[in-house]
Amino acid sequence: MLKGFMWLMIFLVIGNLLQATLALPVVGSVLGMLVLFLVLIVRQRSSRSMGVAASHLIHYFTLLILPSAAGLFFLGTSLTDNWLKLLIAIVLGTLISSVVTLVTMQAMVRWQQRRDDAAGAS
């Protein structure tokens, strides 16, 4: 598990370096996840240690995003002045991400079925 956690931290550092070096308007942790995603696509597999580390971290996911949400508390009047815009953004963002997740899941299930059918045919 420690080896997998180390790899996840390496990709976090890579993302932070990319963000700082290229002055991108994206958080370094998101860039690190994108780089990790690309590496996993190229390799077409994940290491067992990284899977174990990720499965342990997913249990604490709400704690990992809590600091961002806690920062909203200090926005005060900005929130009260823009509550409708924020509500619309939250609802639309939730709907869009749900639809994208659904479409992606359906595509992955169809891909897996075709792969299983091809493996069974040979």
Protein backbone atom coordinates (compact mmCIF):
# COMPACT_ATOMS: atom_id res chain seq x y z
CA MET A 1 0.00 0.00 0.00
CA LEU A 2 2.83 2.40 0.79
CA LYS A 3 4.29 1.96 -2.70
CA GLY A 4 0.91 2.77 -4.29
CA PHE A 5 0.47 5.82 -2.06
CA MET A 6 3.95 6.96 -3.07
CA TRP A 7 2.97 6.74 -6.75
CA LEU A 8 -0.18 8.74 -6.14
CA MET A 9 1.89 11.41 -4.37
CA ILE A 10 4.37 11.47 -7.26
CA PHE A 11 1.53 12.24 -9.67
CA LEU A 12 0.29 14.94 -7.29
CA VAL A 13 3.75 16.54 -7.34
CA ILE A 14 3.92 16.26 -11.15
CA GLY A 15 0.54 18.04 -11.38
CA ASN A 16 1.67 20.79 -9.01
CA LEU A 17 4.89 21.26 -10.98
CA LEU A 18 2.96 21.47 -14.26
CA GLN A 19 0.60 24.03 -12.78
CA ALA A 20 3.41 26.17 -11.37
CA THR A 21 5.63 25.91 -14.44
CA LEU A 22 2.97 26.52 -17.08
CA ALA A 23 0.84 28.90 -14.97
CA LEU A 24 -2.27 26.92 -15.85
CA PRO A 25 -5.60 27.96 -14.30
CA VAL A 26 -6.17 24.39 -13.09
CA VAL A 27 -5.36 23.03 -9.64
CA GLY A 28 -2.20 20.92 -9.55
CA SER A 29 -3.98 17.94 -8.01
CA VAL A 30 -6.40 17.83 -10.95
CA LEU A 31 -3.51 18.01 -13.41
CA GLY A 32 -1.81 15.19 -11.52
CA MET A 33 -4.95 13.07 -11.82
CA LEU A 34 -5.09 13.80 -15.56
CA VAL A 35 -1.45 12.75 -15.99
CA LEU A 36 -2.14 9.59 -13.98
CA PHE A 37 -5.20 8.90 -16.14
CA LEU A 38 -3.14 9.27 -19.32
CA VAL A 39 -0.44 6.96 -17.96
CA LEU A 40 -3.04 4.35 -17.07
CA ILE A 41 -4.57 4.59 -20.55
CA VAL A 42 -1.17 4.13 -22.20
CA ARG A 43 -0.23 1.22 -19.92
CA GLN A 44 -3.75 -0.28 -20.16
CA ARG A 45 -3.48 -1.51 -16.60
CA SER A 46 -2.91 -0.32 -13.06
CA SER A 47 -0.48 -1.60 -10.49
CA ARG A 48 -1.92 -3.61 -7.64
CA SER A 49 -0.26 -1.38 -5.03
CA MET A 50 -1.83 1.75 -6.52
CA GLY A 51 -5.24 0.07 -6.54
CA VAL A 52 -4.91 -0.89 -2.89
CA ALA A 53 -3.83 2.62 -1.90
CA ALA A 54 -6.66 4.22 -3.90
CA SER A 55 -9.26 1.88 -2.39
CA HIS A 56 -8.13 2.88 1.11
CA LEU A 57 -8.15 6.59 0.27
CA ILE A 58 -11.65 6.52 -1.23
CA HIS A 59 -13.07 5.88 2.26
CA TYR A 60 -11.71 9.30 3.32
CA PHE A 61 -12.77 11.16 0.18
CA THR A 62 -15.21 13.42 2.03
CA LEU A 63 -12.46 14.47 4.42
CA LEU A 64 -10.17 15.25 1.48
CA ILE A 65 -12.68 17.67 -0.08
CA LEU A 66 -13.86 19.16 3.22
CA PRO A 67 -11.22 21.95 3.36
CA SER A 68 -12.47 23.39 0.06
CA ALA A 69 -16.05 23.39 1.26
CA ALA A 70 -15.08 24.93 4.61
CA GLY A 71 -13.61 27.92 2.75
CA LEU A 72 -17.13 28.87 1.64
CA PHE A 73 -17.91 29.81 5.23
CA PHE A 74 -15.61 32.83 5.00
CA LEU A 75 -17.15 34.27 1.84
CA GLY A 76 -20.05 35.83 3.74
CA THR A 77 -21.75 38.57 1.71
CA SER A 78 -20.37 37.23 -1.57
CA LEU A 79 -22.49 34.13 -1.05
CA THR A 80 -25.62 36.02 -0.10
CA ASP A 81 -25.27 38.36 -3.08
CA ASN A 82 -24.74 35.52 -5.57
CA TRP A 83 -26.77 32.65 -4.09
CA LEU A 84 -28.96 32.20 -7.17
CA LYS A 85 -25.97 32.01 -9.53
CA LEU A 86 -24.29 29.53 -7.20
CA LEU A 87 -27.42 27.41 -6.95
CA ILE A 88 -27.80 27.31 -10.73
CA ALA A 89 -24.12 26.42 -11.15
CA ILE A 90 -24.36 23.64 -8.56
CA VAL A 91 -27.52 22.15 -10.05
CA LEU A 92 -26.25 22.36 -13.64
CA GLY A 93 -22.84 21.01 -12.66
CA THR A 94 -24.44 18.09 -10.85
CA LEU A 95 -26.72 17.29 -13.78
CA ILE A 96 -23.93 17.54 -16.35
CA SER A 97 -21.54 15.40 -14.33
CA SER A 98 -24.29 12.81 -13.73
CA VAL A 99 -25.08 12.58 -17.45
CA VAL A 100 -21.39 12.35 -18.38
CA THR A 101 -20.89 9.63 -15.76
CA LEU A 102 -23.91 7.71 -17.05
CA VAL A 103 -22.81 7.91 -20.69
CA THR A 104 -19.24 6.93 -19.77
CA MET A 105 -20.46 3.97 -17.72
CA GLN A 106 -22.72 2.75 -20.52
CA ALA A 107 -19.84 3.02 -23.01
CA MET A 108 -17.52 1.11 -20.67
CA VAL A 109 -20.10 -1.65 -20.14
CA ARG A 110 -20.61 -2.02 -23.91
CA TRP A 111 -16.83 -2.05 -24.43
CA GLN A 112 -16.40 -4.72 -21.74
CA GLN A 113 -19.17 -6.84 -23.27
CA ARG A 114 -17.57 -6.64 -26.74
CA ARG A 115 -14.23 -7.54 -25.22
CA ASP A 116 -15.72 -10.51 -23.34
CA ASP A 117 -17.56 -11.66 -26.49
CA ALA A 118 -14.35 -11.44 -28.52
CA ALA A 119 -12.43 -13.40 -25.87
CA GLY A 120 -15.18 -16.04 -25.75
CA ALA A 121 -15.24 -16.38 -29.54
CA SER A 122 -11.54 -17.19 -29.78
